[in-house]
Protein backbone atom coordinates (compact mmCIF):
# COMPACT_ATOMS: atom_id res chain seq x y z
CA MET A 1 98.29 148.26 54.33
CA THR A 2 99.67 145.88 51.72
CA SER A 3 98.89 142.88 53.92
CA GLU A 4 95.21 143.93 53.92
CA LEU A 5 94.98 143.75 50.13
CA GLN A 6 93.42 140.48 49.09
CA ARG A 7 91.87 139.05 45.98
CA PRO A 8 88.34 137.70 46.25
CA PRO A 9 87.94 133.99 47.10
CA LEU A 10 88.84 131.62 44.27
CA GLN A 11 85.40 129.98 44.43
CA ALA A 12 83.36 133.18 44.79
CA ASN A 13 79.94 133.63 43.23
CA GLU A 14 79.61 136.24 40.49
CA ARG A 15 78.55 139.16 42.71
CA THR A 16 81.23 138.46 45.31
CA ALA A 17 83.90 138.17 42.61
CA LEU A 18 82.87 141.39 40.86
CA ILE A 19 82.71 143.45 44.05
CA GLY A 20 85.84 141.75 45.39
CA TRP A 21 87.90 142.66 42.33
CA LEU A 22 86.49 146.19 42.28
CA ASP A 23 87.20 146.68 46.00
CA LEU A 24 90.75 145.42 45.50
CA GLN A 25 91.43 147.97 42.75
CA ARG A 26 89.88 150.73 44.91
CA GLN A 27 92.16 149.73 47.78
CA ILE A 28 95.21 149.79 45.51
CA LEU A 29 94.36 153.37 44.51
CA ARG A 30 94.13 154.42 48.16
CA TRP A 31 97.32 152.51 48.98
CA LYS A 32 99.23 154.38 46.27
CA CYS A 33 98.26 157.63 48.03
CA GLU A 34 99.60 156.60 51.44
CA GLY A 35 102.24 158.95 52.81
CA LEU A 36 101.91 161.55 50.04
CA SER A 37 101.95 165.20 50.95
CA ASP A 38 99.23 167.41 49.51
CA GLU A 39 101.91 169.12 47.43
CA ASP A 40 102.99 165.82 45.86
CA ALA A 41 99.39 164.64 45.46
CA HIS A 42 98.68 167.69 43.31
CA ARG A 43 102.00 167.71 41.45
CA SER A 44 101.84 166.88 37.77
CA VAL A 45 104.57 164.52 36.58
CA ILE A 46 103.29 163.66 33.10
CA PRO A 47 103.78 166.69 30.82
CA THR A 48 101.22 165.57 28.24
CA SER A 49 98.58 164.83 30.90
CA PRO A 50 98.83 167.62 33.49
CA ALA A 51 95.51 166.72 35.16
CA MET A 52 96.73 163.19 35.93
CA THR A 53 97.95 163.78 39.45
CA MET A 54 97.32 161.43 42.36
CA ALA A 55 94.66 163.86 43.60
CA GLY A 56 93.22 164.07 40.10
CA LEU A 57 93.04 160.28 39.82
CA ILE A 58 91.10 160.05 43.09
CA SER A 59 88.77 162.86 42.04
CA HIS A 60 88.16 161.22 38.66
CA MET A 61 87.44 157.83 40.20
CA ARG A 62 85.01 159.30 42.72
CA TRP A 63 83.08 160.87 39.87
CA ALA A 64 83.31 157.71 37.73
CA GLU A 65 81.70 155.69 40.53
CA HIS A 66 79.01 158.36 40.89
CA MET A 67 78.40 158.57 37.16
CA TRP A 68 78.06 154.85 36.52
CA LEU A 69 76.01 153.85 39.53
CA GLU A 70 74.08 156.91 40.69
CA VAL A 71 73.54 158.63 37.33
CA LEU A 72 73.49 155.92 34.65
CA PHE A 73 72.23 153.00 36.73
CA LEU A 74 69.82 154.76 39.11
CA GLY A 75 68.89 157.55 36.66
CA GLY A 76 70.17 160.38 38.86
CA ASP A 77 70.79 164.00 37.90
CA LYS A 78 73.78 164.26 35.56
CA LYS A 79 74.28 167.91 36.58
CA GLN A 80 75.61 166.64 39.92
CA ASN A 81 78.57 165.12 38.10
CA PRO A 82 81.32 167.22 36.44
CA SER A 83 82.03 164.37 34.00
CA PHE A 84 79.18 165.79 31.96
CA ASP A 85 80.59 169.35 31.84
CA GLU A 86 81.07 169.66 28.10
CA SER A 87 82.92 172.97 28.48
CA ASP A 88 85.83 171.22 30.26
CA GLU A 89 86.62 167.64 29.29
CA ASP A 90 88.84 167.26 32.37
CA ALA A 91 86.34 168.69 34.88
CA ASP A 92 86.21 165.43 36.83
CA TRP A 93 90.01 165.49 37.23
CA ARG A 94 90.11 169.01 38.68
CA THR A 95 90.47 169.20 42.43
CA GLY A 96 90.58 172.93 43.15
CA GLY A 97 93.61 172.23 45.34
CA ARG A 98 91.47 170.39 47.90
CA PRO A 99 93.44 168.26 50.38
CA LEU A 100 94.11 164.65 49.43
CA THR A 101 92.53 163.46 52.71
CA GLU A 102 89.27 165.17 51.73
CA LEU A 103 89.32 163.68 48.24
CA LEU A 104 90.06 160.22 49.64
CA ALA A 105 87.21 160.54 52.18
CA GLU A 106 84.80 161.49 49.38
CA TYR A 107 86.03 158.57 47.27
CA GLU A 108 85.63 156.18 50.20
CA ALA A 109 82.08 157.43 50.81
CA GLN A 110 81.22 157.11 47.12
CA CYS A 111 82.59 153.56 47.01
CA ALA A 112 80.47 152.66 50.05
CA ARG A 113 77.42 154.21 48.35
CA SER A 114 78.22 152.27 45.17
CA ASN A 115 78.38 149.01 47.13
CA GLU A 116 74.99 149.82 48.72
CA ILE A 117 73.48 150.37 45.26
CA VAL A 118 74.90 147.07 44.01
CA ALA A 119 73.73 145.16 47.08
CA ALA A 120 70.15 146.36 46.54
CA ALA A 121 69.95 145.37 42.87
CA SER A 122 70.11 142.36 40.61
CA LEU A 123 73.09 142.08 38.28
CA ASP A 124 70.51 141.80 35.49
CA ASP A 125 68.84 145.13 36.37
CA VAL A 126 69.23 147.71 33.60
CA GLY A 127 70.30 151.31 34.03
CA ARG A 128 67.63 153.99 34.06
CA HIS A 129 69.29 156.97 32.38
CA SER A 130 67.87 157.00 28.87
CA ASP A 131 69.88 160.05 27.74
CA PHE A 132 73.02 157.92 27.40
CA ARG A 133 73.52 154.71 25.45
CA SER A 134 75.53 153.25 28.34
CA GLY A 135 72.57 153.93 30.61
CA SER A 136 70.87 150.91 29.06
CA ALA A 137 73.59 148.49 30.21
CA ASN A 138 72.83 146.04 32.97
CA LEU A 139 74.49 146.30 36.38
CA ARG A 140 76.82 143.38 35.59
CA TRP A 141 78.19 145.25 32.54
CA MET A 142 78.60 148.45 34.56
CA LEU A 143 80.49 146.63 37.31
CA ILE A 144 82.81 144.96 34.82
CA HIS A 145 83.45 148.38 33.32
CA LEU A 146 84.20 149.83 36.77
CA VAL A 147 86.68 147.00 37.46
CA GLU A 148 88.39 147.84 34.15
CA GLU A 149 88.31 151.61 34.73
CA THR A 150 89.55 151.38 38.31
CA GLY A 151 92.26 148.85 37.42
CA ARG A 152 93.48 151.00 34.55
CA HIS A 153 93.76 154.02 36.82
CA ALA A 154 95.39 151.97 39.58
CA GLY A 155 98.09 151.29 36.97
CA HIS A 156 98.35 155.00 36.27
CA ALA A 157 98.69 155.56 40.03
CA ASP A 158 101.62 153.09 40.05
CA ILE A 159 103.42 155.17 37.44
CA VAL A 160 102.55 158.57 38.92
CA ARG A 161 103.67 157.49 42.39
CA GLU A 162 106.97 156.14 41.08
CA LEU A 163 107.59 159.38 39.19
CA LEU A 164 106.75 161.42 42.29
CA ASP A 165 109.03 159.77 44.82
CA GLY A 166 110.32 156.47 43.46
CA ALA A 167 107.91 154.40 45.56
CA LYS A 168 107.09 151.09 43.90
CA GLY A 169 105.22 148.09 45.02
CA TYR A 170 102.72 145.44 44.23
CA PHE A 171 101.04 143.61 47.04
């Protein structure tokens, strides 16, 4: 898969660059999961952050995509997203032991849905969820945040994967 990972074109317009960089970070997350058993995907290797497993990272990122684009940008129902479960601050990291392939399929579907939302909107369009300060950001700001969030967690995936089985690599 590493040969399929590519940066966006050097002369890309703003939308193409934003989605290109976001898609690259999404692909890196999926790449870091390649060849992992379900046991390893759910194994905690960071004692101070037990929810940060490879499966947990994918679960969190699926919900982050949902939260930013379907809830905050489109004004969707926050109850459909465990990120807003105030009784458990790590609710979006919990997987219930679900198989990694299922979590990855859900993440892939959410990323496709996110790209559909972005394609149908202007980068200047403002979020519609008035219950949250971030809901008033424009789509451009939200996409930049998602690039940052996904890239940060792709870095976590690098570390978790290396601690799991020694696998390293940058494309």
